[in-house]
Amino acid sequence: GNAFRQLSLPDAVMRLTQGFGRLIRRTSDRGVVMILDSRVVTRRYGPLFLRSLPGPTVYVGDRRAVLERAESFLYSADG
């Protein structure tokens, strides 16, 4: 079999999910997780990572646009 797909990939997805779970614990918690690795949107396995997170909004843009969008989300009253 393929060791990457059978071992490394599931382990990496699990670690991302666990790390996210440590940051956001209550429905009232707010936060932004930025994955600065383009493979999450350019590789076939990328959606596995995104689906492991609860309802992610994926936004791809230049640095300034991404930071402005994150700031807008974090400081808006309704999220």
PDB file of N, CA and C in Angstrom:
ATOM      1  N   GLY A   1       0.817  -1.200   0.000  1.00  0.00           N
ATOM      2  CA  GLY A   1       0.000   0.000   0.000  1.00  0.00           C
ATOM      3  C   GLY A   1       0.853   1.252   0.000  1.00  0.00           C
ATOM      4  N   ASN A   2       0.195   2.341   0.069  1.00  0.00           N
ATOM      5  CA  ASN A   2       0.823   3.648   0.068  1.00  0.00           C
ATOM      6  C   ASN A   2       0.945   4.134   1.520  1.00  0.00           C
ATOM      7  N   ALA A   3       2.157   4.160   2.043  1.00  0.00           N
ATOM      8  CA  ALA A   3       2.382   4.531   3.448  1.00  0.00           C
ATOM      9  C   ALA A   3       1.918   5.949   3.740  1.00  0.00           C
ATOM     10  N   PHE A   4       2.096   6.844   2.786  1.00  0.00           N
ATOM     11  CA  PHE A   4       1.657   8.225   2.994  1.00  0.00           C
ATOM     12  C   PHE A   4       0.150   8.281   3.209  1.00  0.00           C
ATOM     13  N   ARG A   5      -0.606   7.665   2.316  1.00  0.00           N
ATOM     14  CA  ARG A   5      -2.075   7.691   2.405  1.00  0.00           C
ATOM     15  C   ARG A   5      -2.614   6.873   3.574  1.00  0.00           C
ATOM     16  N   GLN A   6      -1.958   5.783   3.904  1.00  0.00           N
ATOM     17  CA  GLN A   6      -2.480   4.897   4.947  1.00  0.00           C
ATOM     18  C   GLN A   6      -2.028   5.270   6.357  1.00  0.00           C
ATOM     19  N   LEU A   7      -0.860   5.888   6.490  1.00  0.00           N
ATOM     20  CA  LEU A   7      -0.328   6.191   7.821  1.00  0.00           C
ATOM     21  C   LEU A   7      -0.136   7.692   8.068  1.00  0.00           C
ATOM     22  N   SER A   8       0.660   8.326   7.241  1.00  0.00           N
ATOM     23  CA  SER A   8       1.027   9.718   7.483  1.00  0.00           C
ATOM     24  C   SER A   8      -0.152  10.675   7.356  1.00  0.00           C
ATOM     25  N   LEU A   9      -0.944  10.515   6.327  1.00  0.00           N
ATOM     26  CA  LEU A   9      -2.060  11.421   6.084  1.00  0.00           C
ATOM     27  C   LEU A   9      -3.112  11.355   7.195  1.00  0.00           C
ATOM     28  N   PRO A  10      -3.608  10.174   7.557  1.00  0.00           N
ATOM     29  CA  PRO A  10      -4.588  10.127   8.652  1.00  0.00           C
ATOM     30  C   PRO A  10      -4.032  10.685   9.970  1.00  0.00           C
ATOM     31  N   ASP A  11      -2.755  10.458  10.244  1.00  0.00           N
ATOM     32  CA  ASP A  11      -2.141  10.974  11.460  1.00  0.00           C
ATOM     33  C   ASP A  11      -2.092  12.502  11.431  1.00  0.00           C
ATOM     34  N   ALA A  12      -1.724  13.074  10.301  1.00  0.00           N
ATOM     35  CA  ALA A  12      -1.650  14.533  10.183  1.00  0.00           C
ATOM     36  C   ALA A  12      -3.032  15.168  10.314  1.00  0.00           C
ATOM     37  N   VAL A  13      -4.044  14.551   9.710  1.00  0.00           N
ATOM     38  CA  VAL A  13      -5.416  15.059   9.814  1.00  0.00           C
ATOM     39  C   VAL A  13      -5.884  15.007  11.264  1.00  0.00           C
ATOM     40  N   MET A  14      -5.605  13.920  11.943  1.00  0.00           N
ATOM     41  CA  MET A  14      -6.001  13.785  13.342  1.00  0.00           C
ATOM     42  C   MET A  14      -5.321  14.849  14.210  1.00  0.00           C
ATOM     43  N   ARG A  15      -4.057  15.105  13.967  1.00  0.00           N
ATOM     44  CA  ARG A  15      -3.338  16.110  14.759  1.00  0.00           C
ATOM     45  C   ARG A  15      -3.899  17.515  14.524  1.00  0.00           C
ATOM     46  N   LEU A  16      -4.260  17.831  13.294  1.00  0.00           N
ATOM     47  CA  LEU A  16      -4.873  19.129  13.006  1.00  0.00           C
ATOM     48  C   LEU A  16      -6.206  19.252  13.743  1.00  0.00           C
ATOM     49  N   THR A  17      -7.015  18.219  13.675  1.00  0.00           N
ATOM     50  CA  THR A  17      -8.320  18.225  14.331  1.00  0.00           C
ATOM     51  C   THR A  17      -8.166  18.380  15.841  1.00  0.00           C
ATOM     52  N   GLN A  18      -7.242  17.666  16.434  1.00  0.00           N
ATOM     53  CA  GLN A  18      -7.010  17.755  17.878  1.00  0.00           C
ATOM     54  C   GLN A  18      -6.507  19.143  18.272  1.00  0.00           C
ATOM     55  N   GLY A  19      -5.611  19.688  17.481  1.00  0.00           N
ATOM     56  CA  GLY A  19      -5.097  21.032  17.765  1.00  0.00           C
ATOM     57  C   GLY A  19      -6.197  22.071  17.687  1.00  0.00           C
ATOM     58  N   PHE A  20      -7.037  21.959  16.691  1.00  0.00           N
ATOM     59  CA  PHE A  20      -8.167  22.876  16.555  1.00  0.00           C
ATOM     60  C   PHE A  20      -9.102  22.732  17.751  1.00  0.00           C
ATOM     61  N   GLY A  21      -9.359  21.512  18.166  1.00  0.00           N
ATOM     62  CA  GLY A  21     -10.240  21.260  19.298  1.00  0.00           C
ATOM     63  C   GLY A  21      -9.725  21.858  20.589  1.00  0.00           C
ATOM     64  N   ARG A  22      -8.443  22.000  20.707  1.00  0.00           N
ATOM     65  CA  ARG A  22      -7.867  22.618  21.909  1.00  0.00           C
ATOM     66  C   ARG A  22      -8.040  24.133  21.900  1.00  0.00           C
ATOM     67  N   LEU A  23      -8.227  24.711  20.724  1.00  0.00           N
ATOM     68  CA  LEU A  23      -8.391  26.164  20.609  1.00  0.00           C
ATOM     69  C   LEU A  23      -9.848  26.595  20.759  1.00  0.00           C
ATOM     70  N   ILE A  24     -10.748  25.878  20.148  1.00  0.00           N
ATOM     71  CA  ILE A  24     -12.172  26.234  20.144  1.00  0.00           C
ATOM     72  C   ILE A  24     -12.916  25.173  20.945  1.00  0.00           C
ATOM     73  N   ARG A  25     -13.377  25.539  22.125  1.00  0.00           N
ATOM     74  CA  ARG A  25     -14.016  24.562  23.006  1.00  0.00           C
ATOM     75  C   ARG A  25     -15.511  24.797  23.181  1.00  0.00           C
ATOM     76  N   ARG A  26     -15.965  26.048  23.114  1.00  0.00           N
ATOM     77  CA  ARG A  26     -17.384  26.354  23.311  1.00  0.00           C
ATOM     78  C   ARG A  26     -17.945  27.000  22.056  1.00  0.00           C
ATOM     79  N   THR A  27     -19.258  26.944  21.894  1.00  0.00           N
ATOM     80  CA  THR A  27     -19.879  27.578  20.723  1.00  0.00           C
ATOM     81  C   THR A  27     -19.692  29.086  20.746  1.00  0.00           C
ATOM     82  N   SER A  28     -19.439  29.648  21.909  1.00  0.00           N
ATOM     83  CA  SER A  28     -19.236  31.099  22.003  1.00  0.00           C
ATOM     84  C   SER A  28     -17.794  31.507  21.667  1.00  0.00           C
ATOM     85  N   ASP A  29     -16.888  30.552  21.591  1.00  0.00           N
ATOM     86  CA  ASP A  29     -15.494  30.856  21.238  1.00  0.00           C
ATOM     87  C   ASP A  29     -15.417  31.281  19.781  1.00  0.00           C
ATOM     88  N   ARG A  30     -14.517  32.199  19.511  1.00  0.00           N
ATOM     89  CA  ARG A  30     -14.301  32.669  18.139  1.00  0.00           C
ATOM     90  C   ARG A  30     -12.813  32.578  17.845  1.00  0.00           C
ATOM     91  N   GLY A  31     -12.486  32.296  16.621  1.00  0.00           N
ATOM     92  CA  GLY A  31     -11.089  32.245  16.264  1.00  0.00           C
ATOM     93  C   GLY A  31     -10.889  32.048  14.780  1.00  0.00           C
ATOM     94  N   VAL A  32      -9.680  32.216  14.375  1.00  0.00           N
ATOM     95  CA  VAL A  32      -9.284  32.047  12.982  1.00  0.00           C
ATOM     96  C   VAL A  32      -8.122  31.075  12.965  1.00  0.00           C
ATOM     97  N   VAL A  33      -8.221  30.081  12.132  1.00  0.00           N
ATOM     98  CA  VAL A  33      -7.118  29.155  11.916  1.00  0.00           C
ATOM     99  C   VAL A  33      -6.611  29.408  10.503  1.00  0.00           C
ATOM    100  N   MET A  34      -5.368  29.787  10.402  1.00  0.00           N
ATOM    101  CA  MET A  34      -4.771  30.024   9.090  1.00  0.00           C
ATOM    102  C   MET A  34      -3.814  28.893   8.791  1.00  0.00           C
ATOM    103  N   ILE A  35      -4.072  28.234   7.697  1.00  0.00           N
ATOM    104  CA  ILE A  35      -3.168  27.187   7.237  1.00  0.00           C
ATOM    105  C   ILE A  35      -2.373  27.800   6.097  1.00  0.00           C
ATOM    106  N   LEU A  36      -1.114  28.014   6.339  1.00  0.00           N
ATOM    107  CA  LEU A  36      -0.271  28.726   5.381  1.00  0.00           C
ATOM    108  C   LEU A  36       0.502  27.780   4.471  1.00  0.00           C
ATOM    109  N   ASP A  37      -0.084  26.639   4.240  1.00  0.00           N
ATOM    110  CA  ASP A  37       0.513  25.638   3.365  1.00  0.00           C
ATOM    111  C   ASP A  37      -0.433  25.461   2.179  1.00  0.00           C
ATOM    112  N   SER A  38      -0.001  25.857   1.016  1.00  0.00           N
ATOM    113  CA  SER A  38      -0.872  25.841  -0.166  1.00  0.00           C
ATOM    114  C   SER A  38      -1.325  24.438  -0.567  1.00  0.00           C
ATOM    115  N   ARG A  39      -0.659  23.419  -0.051  1.00  0.00           N
ATOM    116  CA  ARG A  39      -1.053  22.056  -0.412  1.00  0.00           C
ATOM    117  C   ARG A  39      -2.476  21.725   0.017  1.00  0.00           C
ATOM    118  N   VAL A  40      -2.980  22.461   1.005  1.00  0.00           N
ATOM    119  CA  VAL A  40      -4.342  22.216   1.483  1.00  0.00           C
ATOM    120  C   VAL A  40      -5.379  22.559   0.399  1.00  0.00           C
ATOM    121  N   VAL A  41      -5.010  23.400  -0.555  1.00  0.00           N
ATOM    122  CA  VAL A  41      -5.927  23.721  -1.656  1.00  0.00           C
ATOM    123  C   VAL A  41      -5.427  23.267  -3.018  1.00  0.00           C
ATOM    124  N   THR A  42      -4.181  22.808  -3.092  1.00  0.00           N
ATOM    125  CA  THR A  42      -3.646  22.421  -4.397  1.00  0.00           C
ATOM    126  C   THR A  42      -3.471  20.918  -4.583  1.00  0.00           C
ATOM    127  N   ARG A  43      -3.476  20.173  -3.504  1.00  0.00           N
ATOM    128  CA  ARG A  43      -3.270  18.718  -3.605  1.00  0.00           C
ATOM    129  C   ARG A  43      -4.578  17.969  -3.426  1.00  0.00           C
ATOM    130  N   ARG A  44      -4.640  16.777  -3.961  1.00  0.00           N
ATOM    131  CA  ARG A  44      -5.861  15.963  -3.857  1.00  0.00           C
ATOM    132  C   ARG A  44      -6.226  15.639  -2.415  1.00  0.00           C
ATOM    133  N   TYR A  45      -5.242  15.563  -1.542  1.00  0.00           N
ATOM    134  CA  TYR A  45      -5.531  15.210  -0.149  1.00  0.00           C
ATOM    135  C   TYR A  45      -5.925  16.422   0.691  1.00  0.00           C
ATOM    136  N   GLY A  46      -5.821  17.621   0.171  1.00  0.00           N
ATOM    137  CA  GLY A  46      -6.139  18.834   0.919  1.00  0.00           C
ATOM    138  C   GLY A  46      -7.528  18.853   1.527  1.00  0.00           C
ATOM    139  N   PRO A  47      -8.569  18.478   0.765  1.00  0.00           N
ATOM    140  CA  PRO A  47      -9.918  18.488   1.335  1.00  0.00           C
ATOM    141  C   PRO A  47     -10.081  17.607   2.572  1.00  0.00           C
ATOM    142  N   LEU A  48      -9.259  16.578   2.731  1.00  0.00           N
ATOM    143  CA  LEU A  48      -9.330  15.755   3.944  1.00  0.00           C
ATOM    144  C   LEU A  48      -9.057  16.598   5.183  1.00  0.00           C
ATOM    145  N   PHE A  49      -8.102  17.503   5.081  1.00  0.00           N
ATOM    146  CA  PHE A  49      -7.791  18.381   6.200  1.00  0.00           C
ATOM    147  C   PHE A  49      -8.945  19.342   6.458  1.00  0.00           C
ATOM    148  N   LEU A  50      -9.472  19.926   5.401  1.00  0.00           N
ATOM    149  CA  LEU A  50     -10.545  20.905   5.561  1.00  0.00           C
ATOM    150  C   LEU A  50     -11.808  20.276   6.118  1.00  0.00           C
ATOM    151  N   ARG A  51     -12.143  19.080   5.667  1.00  0.00           N
ATOM    152  CA  ARG A  51     -13.346  18.396   6.167  1.00  0.00           C
ATOM    153  C   ARG A  51     -13.206  17.969   7.624  1.00  0.00           C
ATOM    154  N   SER A  52     -11.994  17.902   8.122  1.00  0.00           N
ATOM    155  CA  SER A  52     -11.802  17.495   9.515  1.00  0.00           C
ATOM    156  C   SER A  52     -12.129  18.622  10.487  1.00  0.00           C
ATOM    157  N   LEU A  53     -12.262  19.834   9.975  1.00  0.00           N
ATOM    158  CA  LEU A  53     -12.573  20.981  10.825  1.00  0.00           C
ATOM    159  C   LEU A  53     -14.069  21.263  10.777  1.00  0.00           C
ATOM    160  N   PRO A  54     -14.635  21.769  11.865  1.00  0.00           N
ATOM    161  CA  PRO A  54     -16.077  22.025  11.887  1.00  0.00           C
ATOM    162  C   PRO A  54     -16.455  23.265  11.077  1.00  0.00           C
ATOM    163  N   GLY A  55     -17.036  23.040   9.921  1.00  0.00           N
ATOM    164  CA  GLY A  55     -17.556  24.131   9.102  1.00  0.00           C
ATOM    165  C   GLY A  55     -16.563  25.183   8.678  1.00  0.00           C
ATOM    166  N   PRO A  56     -15.430  24.809   8.119  1.00  0.00           N
ATOM    167  CA  PRO A  56     -14.458  25.839   7.777  1.00  0.00           C
ATOM    168  C   PRO A  56     -14.914  26.700   6.602  1.00  0.00           C
ATOM    169  N   THR A  57     -14.562  27.959   6.667  1.00  0.00           N
ATOM    170  CA  THR A  57     -14.702  28.853   5.532  1.00  0.00           C
ATOM    171  C   THR A  57     -13.314  28.982   4.942  1.00  0.00           C
ATOM    172  N   VAL A  58     -13.181  28.599   3.713  1.00  0.00           N
ATOM    173  CA  VAL A  58     -11.872  28.649   3.074  1.00  0.00           C
ATOM    174  C   VAL A  58     -11.779  29.943   2.284  1.00  0.00           C
ATOM    175  N   TYR A  59     -10.750  30.695   2.539  1.00  0.00           N
ATOM    176  CA  TYR A  59     -10.504  31.933   1.817  1.00  0.00           C
ATOM    177  C   TYR A  59      -9.054  31.929   1.379  1.00  0.00           C
ATOM    178  N   VAL A  60      -8.842  32.092   0.105  1.00  0.00           N
ATOM    179  CA  VAL A  60      -7.490  32.125  -0.444  1.00  0.00           C
ATOM    180  C   VAL A  60      -7.290  33.501  -1.054  1.00  0.00           C
ATOM    181  N   GLY A  61      -6.226  34.158  -0.666  1.00  0.00           N
ATOM    182  CA  GLY A  61      -5.945  35.481  -1.200  1.00  0.00           C
ATOM    183  C   GLY A  61      -4.542  35.903  -0.835  1.00  0.00           C
ATOM    184  N   ASP A  62      -4.224  37.147  -1.188  1.00  0.00           N
ATOM    185  CA  ASP A  62      -2.903  37.643  -0.817  1.00  0.00           C
ATOM    186  C   ASP A  62      -2.883  37.966   0.676  1.00  0.00           C
ATOM    187  N   ARG A  63      -1.719  38.194   1.191  1.00  0.00           N
ATOM    188  CA  ARG A  63      -1.529  38.365   2.633  1.00  0.00           C
ATOM    189  C   ARG A  63      -2.427  39.460   3.204  1.00  0.00           C
ATOM    190  N   ARG A  64      -2.463  40.586   2.572  1.00  0.00           N
ATOM    191  CA  ARG A  64      -3.251  41.713   3.082  1.00  0.00           C
ATOM    192  C   ARG A  64      -4.739  41.376   3.106  1.00  0.00           C
ATOM    193  N   ALA A  65      -5.245  40.786   2.034  1.00  0.00           N
ATOM    194  CA  ALA A  65      -6.667  40.446   1.963  1.00  0.00           C
ATOM    195  C   ALA A  65      -7.045  39.409   3.017  1.00  0.00           C
ATOM    196  N   VAL A  66      -6.190  38.433   3.216  1.00  0.00           N
ATOM    197  CA  VAL A  66      -6.463  37.398   4.223  1.00  0.00           C
ATOM    198  C   VAL A  66      -6.487  38.012   5.622  1.00  0.00           C
ATOM    199  N   LEU A  67      -5.525  38.868   5.924  1.00  0.00           N
ATOM    200  CA  LEU A  67      -5.476  39.500   7.243  1.00  0.00           C
ATOM    201  C   LEU A  67      -6.671  40.423   7.464  1.00  0.00           C
ATOM    202  N   GLU A  68      -7.073  41.159   6.440  1.00  0.00           N
ATOM    203  CA  GLU A  68      -8.239  42.030   6.575  1.00  0.00           C
ATOM    204  C   GLU A  68      -9.502  41.216   6.830  1.00  0.00           C
ATOM    205  N   ARG A  69      -9.637  40.114   6.130  1.00  0.00           N
ATOM    206  CA  ARG A  69     -10.820  39.271   6.324  1.00  0.00           C
ATOM    207  C   ARG A  69     -10.834  38.653   7.727  1.00  0.00           C
ATOM    208  N   ALA A  70      -9.693  38.202   8.203  1.00  0.00           N
ATOM    209  CA  ALA A  70      -9.606  37.635   9.554  1.00  0.00           C
ATOM    210  C   ALA A  70      -9.934  38.697  10.593  1.00  0.00           C
ATOM    211  N   GLU A  71      -9.384  39.885  10.430  1.00  0.00           N
ATOM    212  CA  GLU A  71      -9.653  40.969  11.370  1.00  0.00           C
ATOM    213  C   GLU A  71     -11.135  41.336  11.370  1.00  0.00           C
ATOM    214  N   SER A  72     -11.724  41.394  10.206  1.00  0.00           N
ATOM    215  CA  SER A  72     -13.151  41.701  10.098  1.00  0.00           C
ATOM    216  C   SER A  72     -13.986  40.659  10.842  1.00  0.00           C
ATOM    217  N   PHE A  73     -13.650  39.392  10.677  1.00  0.00           N
ATOM    218  CA  PHE A  73     -14.369  38.325  11.368  1.00  0.00           C
ATOM    219  C   PHE A  73     -14.202  38.428  12.879  1.00  0.00           C
ATOM    220  N   LEU A  74     -12.978  38.616  13.319  1.00  0.00           N
ATOM    221  CA  LEU A  74     -12.705  38.626  14.750  1.00  0.00           C
ATOM    222  C   LEU A  74     -13.325  39.808  15.473  1.00  0.00           C
ATOM    223  N   TYR A  75     -13.424  40.940  14.819  1.00  0.00           N
ATOM    224  CA  TYR A  75     -13.919  42.137  15.492  1.00  0.00           C
ATOM    225  C   TYR A  75     -15.361  42.490  15.154  1.00  0.00           C
ATOM    226  N   SER A  76     -16.023  41.666  14.329  1.00  0.00           N
ATOM    227  CA  SER A  76     -17.430  41.937  14.048  1.00  0.00           C
ATOM    228  C   SER A  76     -18.272  41.353  15.174  1.00  0.00           C
ATOM    229  N   ALA A  77     -19.421  41.932  15.389  1.00  0.00           N
ATOM    230  CA  ALA A  77     -20.291  41.487  16.483  1.00  0.00           C
ATOM    231  C   ALA A  77     -20.954  40.153  16.200  1.00  0.00           C
ATOM    232  N   ASP A  78     -21.234  39.881  14.935  1.00  0.00           N
ATOM    233  CA  ASP A  78     -21.992  38.656  14.618  1.00  0.00           C
ATOM    234  C   ASP A  78     -21.172  37.571  13.981  1.00  0.00           C
ATOM    235  N   GLY A  79     -19.893  37.778  13.745  1.00  0.00           N
ATOM    236  CA  GLY A  79     -19.025  36.739  13.217  1.00  0.00           C
ATOM    237  C   GLY A  79     -19.251  36.483  11.786  1.00  0.00           C
TER     238      GLY A  79
END
